[in-house]
Amino acid sequence: MVRPTKGLEMKPTLLSLIIANQFDGLDNEDPYIHLTKFYGTMGISRENEKVAYLRLFPFSLNGKEKNLL
Protein backbone atom coordinates (compact mmCIF):
# COMPACT_ATOMS: atom_id res chain seq x y z
CA MET A 1 0.00 0.00 0.00
CA VAL A 2 1.27 3.47 -0.90
CA ARG A 3 0.74 6.07 1.79
CA PRO A 4 0.71 9.80 1.13
CA THR A 5 3.74 11.57 2.54
CA LYS A 6 4.24 15.09 3.77
CA GLY A 7 7.17 15.60 1.39
CA LEU A 8 5.02 16.07 -1.72
CA GLU A 9 4.33 19.73 -2.49
CA MET A 10 0.84 20.49 -3.79
CA LYS A 11 1.10 23.72 -5.75
CA PRO A 12 -1.95 26.04 -5.76
CA THR A 13 -1.95 26.17 -9.57
CA LEU A 14 -2.28 22.39 -9.80
CA LEU A 15 -5.05 22.33 -7.18
CA SER A 16 -6.91 25.08 -9.04
CA LEU A 17 -6.69 23.11 -12.29
CA ILE A 18 -7.99 19.95 -10.63
CA ILE A 19 -10.84 21.76 -8.86
CA ALA A 20 -11.82 23.51 -12.11
CA ASN A 21 -12.36 20.07 -13.70
CA GLN A 22 -14.29 18.30 -10.95
CA PHE A 23 -16.46 15.24 -11.52
CA ASP A 24 -20.04 15.54 -10.22
CA GLY A 25 -21.33 12.14 -11.32
CA LEU A 26 -24.01 13.65 -13.54
CA ASP A 27 -25.61 11.55 -16.26
CA ASN A 28 -23.78 13.48 -18.99
CA GLU A 29 -20.35 12.96 -17.38
CA ASP A 30 -18.12 10.01 -18.18
CA PRO A 31 -15.98 8.83 -15.24
CA TYR A 32 -13.37 7.37 -17.60
CA ILE A 33 -12.92 10.72 -19.33
CA HIS A 34 -12.60 12.36 -15.91
CA LEU A 35 -9.84 9.94 -14.90
CA THR A 36 -8.01 10.50 -18.18
CA LYS A 37 -8.11 14.27 -17.67
CA PHE A 38 -7.07 13.91 -14.03
CA TYR A 39 -4.02 11.79 -14.84
CA GLY A 40 -3.14 14.09 -17.75
CA THR A 41 -2.99 17.22 -15.58
CA MET A 42 -0.52 15.82 -13.10
CA GLY A 43 2.92 16.06 -14.72
CA ILE A 44 4.55 14.52 -11.64
CA SER A 45 7.69 12.39 -11.51
CA ARG A 46 7.29 8.61 -11.51
CA GLU A 47 8.62 8.30 -7.97
CA ASN A 48 5.89 10.55 -6.53
CA GLU A 49 3.12 9.61 -8.95
CA LYS A 50 1.09 7.22 -6.76
CA VAL A 51 1.40 9.43 -3.71
CA ALA A 52 0.25 12.45 -5.70
CA TYR A 53 -2.76 10.61 -7.12
CA LEU A 54 -3.84 9.48 -3.67
CA ARG A 55 -3.52 12.94 -2.17
CA LEU A 56 -5.02 14.96 -5.03
CA PHE A 57 -7.83 12.75 -6.37
CA PRO A 58 -10.39 13.77 -3.70
CA PHE A 59 -10.06 17.37 -4.91
CA SER A 60 -11.23 16.25 -8.37
CA LEU A 61 -14.63 15.12 -7.05
CA ASN A 62 -17.67 17.20 -6.22
CA GLY A 63 -21.19 16.73 -4.87
CA LYS A 64 -22.43 13.23 -4.14
CA GLU A 65 -19.28 11.70 -5.63
CA LYS A 66 -17.10 13.45 -3.04
CA ASN A 67 -19.28 12.07 -0.24
CA LEU A 68 -18.55 8.50 -1.35
CA LEU A 69 -14.94 8.76 -0.12
PDB file of N, CA and C in Angstrom:
ATOM      1  N   MET A   1       0.835  -1.183   0.000  1.00  0.00           N
ATOM      2  CA  MET A   1       0.000   0.000   0.000  1.00  0.00           C
ATOM      3  C   MET A   1       0.884   1.252   0.000  1.00  0.00           C
ATOM      4  N   VAL A   2       0.544   2.215  -0.827  1.00  0.00           N
ATOM      5  CA  VAL A   2       1.272   3.470  -0.898  1.00  0.00           C
ATOM      6  C   VAL A   2       0.571   4.475   0.000  1.00  0.00           C
ATOM      7  N   ARG A   3       1.323   5.076   0.887  1.00  0.00           N
ATOM      8  CA  ARG A   3       0.736   6.073   1.790  1.00  0.00           C
ATOM      9  C   ARG A   3       1.217   7.461   1.410  1.00  0.00           C
ATOM     10  N   PRO A   4       0.298   8.428   1.430  1.00  0.00           N
ATOM     11  CA  PRO A   4       0.713   9.802   1.134  1.00  0.00           C
ATOM     12  C   PRO A   4       1.747  10.289   2.139  1.00  0.00           C
ATOM     13  N   THR A   5       2.711  11.037   1.660  1.00  0.00           N
ATOM     14  CA  THR A   5       3.741  11.573   2.542  1.00  0.00           C
ATOM     15  C   THR A   5       3.651  13.080   2.587  1.00  0.00           C
ATOM     16  N   LYS A   6       4.245  13.641   3.617  1.00  0.00           N
ATOM     17  CA  LYS A   6       4.239  15.090   3.768  1.00  0.00           C
ATOM     18  C   LYS A   6       5.209  15.769   2.814  1.00  0.00           C
ATOM     19  N   GLY A   7       6.141  15.013   2.232  1.00  0.00           N
ATOM     20  CA  GLY A   7       7.169  15.597   1.388  1.00  0.00           C
ATOM     21  C   GLY A   7       6.702  16.063   0.020  1.00  0.00           C
ATOM     22  N   LEU A   8       5.508  15.696  -0.396  1.00  0.00           N
ATOM     23  CA  LEU A   8       5.018  16.075  -1.716  1.00  0.00           C
ATOM     24  C   LEU A   8       4.371  17.448  -1.653  1.00  0.00           C
ATOM     25  N   GLU A   9       4.859  18.362  -2.468  1.00  0.00           N
ATOM     26  CA  GLU A   9       4.327  19.727  -2.490  1.00  0.00           C
ATOM     27  C   GLU A   9       3.149  19.800  -3.451  1.00  0.00           C
ATOM     28  N   MET A  10       2.021  20.303  -2.950  1.00  0.00           N
ATOM     29  CA  MET A  10       0.837  20.493  -3.791  1.00  0.00           C
ATOM     30  C   MET A  10       0.745  21.983  -4.119  1.00  0.00           C
ATOM     31  N   LYS A  11       1.086  22.319  -5.340  1.00  0.00           N
ATOM     32  CA  LYS A  11       1.100  23.719  -5.751  1.00  0.00           C
ATOM     33  C   LYS A  11      -0.320  24.224  -5.975  1.00  0.00           C
ATOM     34  N   PRO A  12      -0.605  25.468  -5.594  1.00  0.00           N
ATOM     35  CA  PRO A  12      -1.949  26.037  -5.758  1.00  0.00           C
ATOM     36  C   PRO A  12      -2.449  26.015  -7.194  1.00  0.00           C
ATOM     37  N   THR A  13      -1.555  26.191  -8.160  1.00  0.00           N
ATOM     38  CA  THR A  13      -1.950  26.171  -9.567  1.00  0.00           C
ATOM     39  C   THR A  13      -2.495  24.799  -9.960  1.00  0.00           C
ATOM     40  N   LEU A  14      -1.834  23.744  -9.507  1.00  0.00           N
ATOM     41  CA  LEU A  14      -2.282  22.387  -9.803  1.00  0.00           C
ATOM     42  C   LEU A  14      -3.627  22.110  -9.133  1.00  0.00           C
ATOM     43  N   LEU A  15      -3.765  22.513  -7.877  1.00  0.00           N
ATOM     44  CA  LEU A  15      -5.046  22.328  -7.180  1.00  0.00           C
ATOM     45  C   LEU A  15      -6.173  23.078  -7.883  1.00  0.00           C
ATOM     46  N   SER A  16      -5.901  24.287  -8.330  1.00  0.00           N
ATOM     47  CA  SER A  16      -6.912  25.079  -9.043  1.00  0.00           C
ATOM     48  C   SER A  16      -7.346  24.387 -10.328  1.00  0.00           C
ATOM     49  N   LEU A  17      -6.392  23.815 -11.048  1.00  0.00           N
ATOM     50  CA  LEU A  17      -6.690  23.107 -12.287  1.00  0.00           C
ATOM     51  C   LEU A  17      -7.550  21.880 -12.018  1.00  0.00           C
ATOM     52  N   ILE A  18      -7.222  21.149 -10.981  1.00  0.00           N
ATOM     53  CA  ILE A  18      -7.987  19.948 -10.629  1.00  0.00           C
ATOM     54  C   ILE A  18      -9.402  20.323 -10.194  1.00  0.00           C
ATOM     55  N   ILE A  19      -9.527  21.336  -9.352  1.00  0.00           N
ATOM     56  CA  ILE A  19     -10.837  21.764  -8.865  1.00  0.00           C
ATOM     57  C   ILE A  19     -11.697  22.318 -10.000  1.00  0.00           C
ATOM     58  N   ALA A  20     -11.074  22.955 -10.973  1.00  0.00           N
ATOM     59  CA  ALA A  20     -11.821  23.506 -12.108  1.00  0.00           C
ATOM     60  C   ALA A  20     -12.413  22.413 -12.995  1.00  0.00           C
ATOM     61  N   ASN A  21     -11.895  21.186 -12.880  1.00  0.00           N
ATOM     62  CA  ASN A  21     -12.362  20.072 -13.704  1.00  0.00           C
ATOM     63  C   ASN A  21     -12.913  18.937 -12.838  1.00  0.00           C
ATOM     64  N   GLN A  22     -13.742  19.292 -11.870  1.00  0.00           N
ATOM     65  CA  GLN A  22     -14.288  18.298 -10.954  1.00  0.00           C
ATOM     66  C   GLN A  22     -15.337  17.409 -11.617  1.00  0.00           C
ATOM     67  N   PHE A  23     -15.478  16.222 -11.064  1.00  0.00           N
ATOM     68  CA  PHE A  23     -16.465  15.244 -11.515  1.00  0.00           C
ATOM     69  C   PHE A  23     -17.631  15.246 -10.541  1.00  0.00           C
ATOM     70  N   ASP A  24     -18.843  15.475 -11.055  1.00  0.00           N
ATOM     71  CA  ASP A  24     -20.039  15.539 -10.224  1.00  0.00           C
ATOM     72  C   ASP A  24     -20.869  14.264 -10.271  1.00  0.00           C
ATOM     73  N   GLY A  25     -20.568  13.367 -11.196  1.00  0.00           N
ATOM     74  CA  GLY A  25     -21.334  12.144 -11.324  1.00  0.00           C
ATOM     75  C   GLY A  25     -22.662  12.327 -12.035  1.00  0.00           C
ATOM     76  N   LEU A  26     -22.777  13.392 -12.800  1.00  0.00           N
ATOM     77  CA  LEU A  26     -24.006  13.651 -13.541  1.00  0.00           C
ATOM     78  C   LEU A  26     -24.133  12.672 -14.703  1.00  0.00           C
ATOM     79  N   ASP A  27     -25.353  12.504 -15.182  1.00  0.00           N
ATOM     80  CA  ASP A  27     -25.607  11.552 -16.264  1.00  0.00           C
ATOM     81  C   ASP A  27     -24.799  11.845 -17.527  1.00  0.00           C
ATOM     82  N   ASN A  28     -24.514  13.116 -17.773  1.00  0.00           N
ATOM     83  CA  ASN A  28     -23.779  13.479 -18.993  1.00  0.00           C
ATOM     84  C   ASN A  28     -22.263  13.440 -18.807  1.00  0.00           C
ATOM     85  N   GLU A  29     -21.784  13.033 -17.635  1.00  0.00           N
ATOM     86  CA  GLU A  29     -20.350  12.965 -17.379  1.00  0.00           C
ATOM     87  C   GLU A  29     -19.868  11.511 -17.450  1.00  0.00           C
ATOM     88  N   ASP A  30     -18.720  11.334 -18.043  1.00  0.00           N
ATOM     89  CA  ASP A  30     -18.124  10.006 -18.176  1.00  0.00           C
ATOM     90  C   ASP A  30     -16.972   9.888 -17.174  1.00  0.00           C
ATOM     91  N   PRO A  31     -17.052   8.947 -16.230  1.00  0.00           N
ATOM     92  CA  PRO A  31     -15.982   8.829 -15.235  1.00  0.00           C
ATOM     93  C   PRO A  31     -14.634   8.466 -15.842  1.00  0.00           C
ATOM     94  N   TYR A  32     -14.627   7.744 -16.952  1.00  0.00           N
ATOM     95  CA  TYR A  32     -13.373   7.373 -17.603  1.00  0.00           C
ATOM     96  C   TYR A  32     -12.694   8.587 -18.226  1.00  0.00           C
ATOM     97  N   ILE A  33     -13.475   9.476 -18.783  1.00  0.00           N
ATOM     98  CA  ILE A  33     -12.916  10.715 -19.329  1.00  0.00           C
ATOM     99  C   ILE A  33     -12.362  11.569 -18.196  1.00  0.00           C
ATOM    100  N   HIS A  34     -13.084  11.600 -17.074  1.00  0.00           N
ATOM    101  CA  HIS A  34     -12.600  12.361 -15.913  1.00  0.00           C
ATOM    102  C   HIS A  34     -11.239  11.835 -15.443  1.00  0.00           C
ATOM    103  N   LEU A  35     -11.111  10.519 -15.334  1.00  0.00           N
ATOM    104  CA  LEU A  35      -9.838   9.938 -14.901  1.00  0.00           C
ATOM    105  C   LEU A  35      -8.709  10.240 -15.883  1.00  0.00           C
ATOM    106  N   THR A  36      -9.010  10.183 -17.168  1.00  0.00           N
ATOM    107  CA  THR A  36      -8.006  10.496 -18.185  1.00  0.00           C
ATOM    108  C   THR A  36      -7.533  11.937 -18.039  1.00  0.00           C
ATOM    109  N   LYS A  37      -8.476  12.855 -17.859  1.00  0.00           N
ATOM    110  CA  LYS A  37      -8.111  14.269 -17.674  1.00  0.00           C
ATOM    111  C   LYS A  37      -7.322  14.454 -16.378  1.00  0.00           C
ATOM    112  N   PHE A  38      -7.756  13.787 -15.313  1.00  0.00           N
ATOM    113  CA  PHE A  38      -7.067  13.908 -14.025  1.00  0.00           C
ATOM    114  C   PHE A  38      -5.618  13.463 -14.137  1.00  0.00           C
ATOM    115  N   TYR A  39      -5.389  12.290 -14.700  1.00  0.00           N
ATOM    116  CA  TYR A  39      -4.023  11.794 -14.844  1.00  0.00           C
ATOM    117  C   TYR A  39      -3.198  12.673 -15.781  1.00  0.00           C
ATOM    118  N   GLY A  40      -3.839  13.251 -16.783  1.00  0.00           N
ATOM    119  CA  GLY A  40      -3.136  14.089 -17.747  1.00  0.00           C
ATOM    120  C   GLY A  40      -2.691  15.425 -17.192  1.00  0.00           C
ATOM    121  N   THR A  41      -3.344  15.922 -16.142  1.00  0.00           N
ATOM    122  CA  THR A  41      -2.986  17.225 -15.581  1.00  0.00           C
ATOM    123  C   THR A  41      -1.841  17.159 -14.593  1.00  0.00           C
ATOM    124  N   MET A  42      -1.452  15.970 -14.199  1.00  0.00           N
ATOM    125  CA  MET A  42      -0.518  15.824 -13.098  1.00  0.00           C
ATOM    126  C   MET A  42       0.901  16.288 -13.421  1.00  0.00           C
ATOM    127  N   GLY A  43       1.553  15.687 -14.396  1.00  0.00           N
ATOM    128  CA  GLY A  43       2.920  16.058 -14.723  1.00  0.00           C
ATOM    129  C   GLY A  43       3.884  15.876 -13.557  1.00  0.00           C
ATOM    130  N   ILE A  44       3.743  14.775 -12.840  1.00  0.00           N
ATOM    131  CA  ILE A  44       4.546  14.515 -11.640  1.00  0.00           C
ATOM    132  C   ILE A  44       5.518  13.375 -11.932  1.00  0.00           C
ATOM    133  N   SER A  45       6.673  13.428 -11.290  1.00  0.00           N
ATOM    134  CA  SER A  45       7.687  12.392 -11.511  1.00  0.00           C
ATOM    135  C   SER A  45       7.161  11.018 -11.123  1.00  0.00           C
ATOM    136  N   ARG A  46       7.718   9.987 -11.751  1.00  0.00           N
ATOM    137  CA  ARG A  46       7.286   8.607 -11.510  1.00  0.00           C
ATOM    138  C   ARG A  46       7.389   8.216 -10.040  1.00  0.00           C
ATOM    139  N   GLU A  47       8.408   8.698  -9.362  1.00  0.00           N
ATOM    140  CA  GLU A  47       8.621   8.300  -7.968  1.00  0.00           C
ATOM    141  C   GLU A  47       7.534   8.832  -7.036  1.00  0.00           C
ATOM    142  N   ASN A  48       6.934   9.961  -7.374  1.00  0.00           N
ATOM    143  CA  ASN A  48       5.893  10.551  -6.530  1.00  0.00           C
ATOM    144  C   ASN A  48       4.495  10.377  -7.104  1.00  0.00           C
ATOM    145  N   GLU A  49       4.380   9.686  -8.223  1.00  0.00           N
ATOM    146  CA  GLU A  49       3.119   9.614  -8.945  1.00  0.00           C
ATOM    147  C   GLU A  49       1.973   9.025  -8.113  1.00  0.00           C
ATOM    148  N   LYS A  50       2.166   7.858  -7.529  1.00  0.00           N
ATOM    149  CA  LYS A  50       1.093   7.221  -6.762  1.00  0.00           C
ATOM    150  C   LYS A  50       0.697   8.046  -5.546  1.00  0.00           C
ATOM    151  N   VAL A  51       1.669   8.597  -4.873  1.00  0.00           N
ATOM    152  CA  VAL A  51       1.397   9.432  -3.708  1.00  0.00           C
ATOM    153  C   VAL A  51       0.581  10.652  -4.120  1.00  0.00           C
ATOM    154  N   ALA A  52       0.961  11.270  -5.222  1.00  0.00           N
ATOM    155  CA  ALA A  52       0.250  12.451  -5.705  1.00  0.00           C
ATOM    156  C   ALA A  52      -1.186  12.114  -6.060  1.00  0.00           C
ATOM    157  N   TYR A  53      -1.402  11.003  -6.764  1.00  0.00           N
ATOM    158  CA  TYR A  53      -2.758  10.607  -7.125  1.00  0.00           C
ATOM    159  C   TYR A  53      -3.611  10.405  -5.892  1.00  0.00           C
ATOM    160  N   LEU A  54      -3.079   9.738  -4.889  1.00  0.00           N
ATOM    161  CA  LEU A  54      -3.844   9.482  -3.667  1.00  0.00           C
ATOM    162  C   LEU A  54      -4.193  10.767  -2.919  1.00  0.00           C
ATOM    163  N   ARG A  55      -3.273  11.694  -2.896  1.00  0.00           N
ATOM    164  CA  ARG A  55      -3.522  12.945  -2.165  1.00  0.00           C
ATOM    165  C   ARG A  55      -4.405  13.914  -2.929  1.00  0.00           C
ATOM    166  N   LEU A  56      -4.309  13.941  -4.248  1.00  0.00           N
ATOM    167  CA  LEU A  56      -5.018  14.956  -5.031  1.00  0.00           C
ATOM    168  C   LEU A  56      -6.370  14.510  -5.580  1.00  0.00           C
ATOM    169  N   PHE A  57      -6.595  13.209  -5.741  1.00  0.00           N
ATOM    170  CA  PHE A  57      -7.830  12.752  -6.366  1.00  0.00           C
ATOM    171  C   PHE A  57      -9.095  13.244  -5.664  1.00  0.00           C
ATOM    172  N   PRO A  58      -9.165  13.262  -4.341  1.00  0.00           N
ATOM    173  CA  PRO A  58     -10.394  13.768  -3.702  1.00  0.00           C
ATOM    174  C   PRO A  58     -10.770  15.194  -4.116  1.00  0.00           C
ATOM    175  N   PHE A  59      -9.778  16.008  -4.462  1.00  0.00           N
ATOM    176  CA  PHE A  59     -10.056  17.371  -4.914  1.00  0.00           C
ATOM    177  C   PHE A  59     -10.732  17.402  -6.289  1.00  0.00           C
ATOM    178  N   SER A  60     -10.652  16.294  -7.027  1.00  0.00           N
ATOM    179  CA  SER A  60     -11.234  16.249  -8.367  1.00  0.00           C
ATOM    180  C   SER A  60     -12.699  15.829  -8.344  1.00  0.00           C
ATOM    181  N   LEU A  61     -13.232  15.544  -7.172  1.00  0.00           N
ATOM    182  CA  LEU A  61     -14.632  15.119  -7.052  1.00  0.00           C
ATOM    183  C   LEU A  61     -15.464  16.226  -6.431  1.00  0.00           C
ATOM    184  N   ASN A  62     -16.760  16.188  -6.727  1.00  0.00           N
ATOM    185  CA  ASN A  62     -17.669  17.201  -6.215  1.00  0.00           C
ATOM    186  C   ASN A  62     -19.022  16.558  -5.948  1.00  0.00           C
ATOM    187  N   GLY A  63     -19.827  17.189  -5.131  1.00  0.00           N
ATOM    188  CA  GLY A  63     -21.190  16.733  -4.872  1.00  0.00           C
ATOM    189  C   GLY A  63     -21.253  15.351  -4.250  1.00  0.00           C
ATOM    190  N   LYS A  64     -22.218  14.563  -4.712  1.00  0.00           N
ATOM    191  CA  LYS A  64     -22.432  13.232  -4.140  1.00  0.00           C
ATOM    192  C   LYS A  64     -21.232  12.323  -4.326  1.00  0.00           C
ATOM    193  N   GLU A  65     -20.467  12.528  -5.381  1.00  0.00           N
ATOM    194  CA  GLU A  65     -19.284  11.703  -5.631  1.00  0.00           C
ATOM    195  C   GLU A  65     -18.220  11.920  -4.548  1.00  0.00           C
ATOM    196  N   LYS A  66     -18.086  13.148  -4.074  1.00  0.00           N
ATOM    197  CA  LYS A  66     -17.098  13.450  -3.036  1.00  0.00           C
ATOM    198  C   LYS A  66     -17.501  12.791  -1.722  1.00  0.00           C
ATOM    199  N   ASN A  67     -18.786  12.676  -1.478  1.00  0.00           N
ATOM    200  CA  ASN A  67     -19.281  12.075  -0.244  1.00  0.00           C
ATOM    201  C   ASN A  67     -19.068  10.572  -0.184  1.00  0.00           C
ATOM    202  N   LEU A  68     -18.774   9.941  -1.307  1.00  0.00           N
ATOM    203  CA  LEU A  68     -18.546   8.504  -1.345  1.00  0.00           C
ATOM    204  C   LEU A  68     -17.184   8.107  -0.767  1.00  0.00           C
ATOM    205  N   LEU A  69     -16.283   9.076  -0.641  1.00  0.00           N
ATOM    206  CA  LEU A  69     -14.936   8.765  -0.124  1.00  0.00           C
ATOM    207  C   LEU A  69     -14.960   8.537   1.355  1.00  0.00           C
TER     208      LEU A  69
END
